[in-house]
C-alpha atoms as a PDB file:
ATOM      1  CA  UNK A   1       0.318   0.123  -0.284  1.00  0.00           C
ATOM      2  CA  UNK A   2       1.083   3.277  -0.616  1.00  0.00           C
ATOM      3  CA  UNK A   3       0.650   6.592   0.330  1.00  0.00           C
ATOM      4  CA  UNK A   4      -1.924   7.733  -2.163  1.00  0.00           C
ATOM      5  CA  UNK A   5      -4.060   4.827  -1.366  1.00  0.00           C
ATOM      6  CA  UNK A   6      -4.873   6.423   2.123  1.00  0.00           C
ATOM      7  CA  UNK A   7      -7.606   9.474   2.240  1.00  0.00           C
ATOM      8  CA  UNK A   8      -5.662  11.222   4.105  1.00  0.00           C
ATOM      9  CA  UNK A   9      -6.288  15.005   2.270  1.00  0.00           C
ATOM     10  CA  UNK A  10      -9.657  15.435   2.999  1.00  0.00           C
ATOM     11  CA  UNK A  11      -8.038  15.660   7.113  1.00  0.00           C
ATOM     12  CA  UNK A  12      -5.253  18.129   5.737  1.00  0.00           C
ATOM     13  CA  UNK A  13      -6.528  22.129   6.667  1.00  0.00           C
ATOM     14  CA  UNK A  14      -3.992  23.826   3.918  1.00  0.00           C
ATOM     15  CA  UNK A  15      -2.127  21.959   0.786  1.00  0.00           C
ATOM     16  CA  UNK A  16      -2.672  18.875   1.478  1.00  0.00           C
ATOM     17  CA  UNK A  17       0.650  17.530   0.514  1.00  0.00           C
ATOM     18  CA  UNK A  18       1.837  15.078   3.039  1.00  0.00           C
ATOM     19  CA  UNK A  19       5.608  15.069   4.487  1.00  0.00           C
ATOM     20  CA  UNK A  20       5.937  10.956   3.725  1.00  0.00           C
ATOM     21  CA  UNK A  21       8.715  10.627   6.267  1.00  0.00           C
ATOM     22  CA  UNK A  22       6.369  12.070   9.254  1.00  0.00           C
ATOM     23  CA  UNK A  23       3.348   9.135   9.208  1.00  0.00           C
ATOM     24  CA  UNK A  24       2.809   7.426  11.842  1.00  0.00           C
ATOM     25  CA  UNK A  25      -0.271   4.679  12.180  1.00  0.00           C
ATOM     26  CA  UNK A  26      -1.858   4.178  15.916  1.00  0.00           C
ATOM     27  CA  UNK A  27      -4.525   1.270  16.334  1.00  0.00           C
ATOM     28  CA  UNK A  28      -7.276   2.634  18.677  1.00  0.00           C
ATOM     29  CA  UNK A  29      -9.938  -0.322  18.329  1.00  0.00           C
ATOM     30  CA  UNK A  30     -10.051  -3.631  16.536  1.00  0.00           C
ATOM     31  CA  UNK A  31     -12.804  -6.303  16.011  1.00  0.00           C
ATOM     32  CA  UNK A  32     -12.687  -9.873  13.741  1.00  0.00           C
ATOM     33  CA  UNK A  33     -15.290 -12.059  13.018  1.00  0.00           C
ATOM     34  CA  UNK A  34     -15.945 -14.822  10.627  1.00  0.00           C
ATOM     35  CA  UNK A  35     -15.331 -13.030   7.356  1.00  0.00           C
ATOM     36  CA  UNK A  36     -14.510  -9.341   8.958  1.00  0.00           C
ATOM     37  CA  UNK A  37     -11.744  -7.525   9.919  1.00  0.00           C
ATOM     38  CA  UNK A  38     -12.206  -3.822  11.735  1.00  0.00           C
ATOM     39  CA  UNK A  39      -9.893  -1.721  12.385  1.00  0.00           C
ATOM     40  CA  UNK A  40     -10.077   2.065  13.619  1.00  0.00           C
ATOM     41  CA  UNK A  41      -6.623   3.596  12.896  1.00  0.00           C
ATOM     42  CA  UNK A  42      -5.379   7.132  14.113  1.00  0.00           C
ATOM     43  CA  UNK A  43      -3.060   8.553  11.728  1.00  0.00           C
ATOM     44  CA  UNK A  44      -0.385  11.245  12.876  1.00  0.00           C
ATOM     45  CA  UNK A  45       1.666  13.112   9.959  1.00  0.00           C
ATOM     46  CA  UNK A  46       2.653  16.994   9.195  1.00  0.00           C
ATOM     47  CA  UNK A  47       1.364  18.292   6.645  1.00  0.00           C
ATOM     48  CA  UNK A  48       3.612  20.481   4.581  1.00  0.00           C
ATOM     49  CA  UNK A  49       2.908  24.917   4.150  1.00  0.00           C
ATOM     50  CA  UNK A  50       4.562  25.777   0.913  1.00  0.00           C
ATOM     51  CA  UNK A  51       5.309  29.718   1.976  1.00  0.00           C
ATOM     52  CA  UNK A  52       7.023  32.309   0.893  1.00  0.00           C
ATOM     53  CA  UNK A  53      10.605  32.790   0.171  1.00  0.00           C
ATOM     54  CA  UNK A  54      11.357  36.387   0.967  1.00  0.00           C
ATOM     55  CA  UNK A  55      14.545  35.900   2.475  1.00  0.00           C
ATOM     56  CA  UNK A  56      16.081  34.123  -0.945  1.00  0.00           C
ATOM     57  CA  UNK A  57      16.245  30.830   1.008  1.00  0.00           C
ATOM     58  CA  UNK A  58      13.878  28.430  -0.316  1.00  0.00           C
ATOM     59  CA  UNK A  59      15.143  26.092   2.512  1.00  0.00           C
ATOM     60  CA  UNK A  60      13.101  28.611   4.686  1.00  0.00           C
ATOM     61  CA  UNK A  61      10.326  28.497   2.891  1.00  0.00           C
ATOM     62  CA  UNK A  62       8.730  25.545   3.378  1.00  0.00           C
ATOM     63  CA  UNK A  63       6.828  24.967   7.165  1.00  0.00           C
ATOM     64  CA  UNK A  64       4.860  22.017   9.082  1.00  0.00           C
ATOM     65  CA  UNK A  65       1.564  21.812  10.593  1.00  0.00           C
ATOM     66  CA  UNK A  66       0.927  18.471  13.012  1.00  0.00           C
ATOM     67  CA  UNK A  67      -2.208  16.790  10.928  1.00  0.00           C
ATOM     68  CA  UNK A  68      -3.922  13.468  12.505  1.00  0.00           C
ATOM     69  CA  UNK A  69      -6.782  11.196  10.582  1.00  0.00           C
ATOM     70  CA  UNK A  70      -8.994   8.870  11.492  1.00  0.00           C
ATOM     71  CA  UNK A  71      -9.552   6.130   9.313  1.00  0.00           C
ATOM     72  CA  UNK A  72     -11.874   3.212   9.584  1.00  0.00           C
ATOM     73  CA  UNK A  73      -9.974   0.304   7.833  1.00  0.00           C
ATOM     74  CA  UNK A  74     -12.480  -3.156   6.803  1.00  0.00           C
ATOM     75  CA  UNK A  75     -10.662  -6.415   5.388  1.00  0.00           C
ATOM     76  CA  UNK A  76     -13.160  -8.907   3.901  1.00  0.00           C
ATOM     77  CA  UNK A  77     -11.375 -12.236   4.036  1.00  0.00           C
ATOM     78  CA  UNK A  78     -14.220 -14.205   1.536  1.00  0.00           C
ATOM     79  CA  UNK A  79     -14.236 -10.988  -1.392  1.00  0.00           C
ATOM     80  CA  UNK A  80     -10.244 -10.344  -0.170  1.00  0.00           C
ATOM     81  CA  UNK A  81     -11.199  -6.410  -0.392  1.00  0.00           C
ATOM     82  CA  UNK A  82     -10.054  -3.856   1.570  1.00  0.00           C
ATOM     83  CA  UNK A  83     -12.077  -0.941   1.398  1.00  0.00           C
ATOM     84  CA  UNK A  84     -10.517   2.890   4.065  1.00  0.00           C
ATOM     85  CA  UNK A  85     -12.676   5.459   4.628  1.00  0.00           C
ATOM     86  CA  UNK A  86     -11.557   8.222   6.728  1.00  0.00           C
ATOM     87  CA  UNK A  87     -13.819   9.415   9.645  1.00  0.00           C
END
């Protein structure tokens, strides 16, 4: 799975660009039945905020804002199907 598969952009408040190296996932709850596995996860990340390079130093033009998103993950064992929805 890659970052683009996760619906994290809907949890962003600015640019929607996410620092891929900053992603941390915590499992908040889980449940399993005979056919279904369900997870509720908390995803912590940094959103990249592009700014003005007034000092002519492009490295100072980027700042970050912490972000958080809850994702519900459902895996259907019979259909071999994974569904991820942002909360």
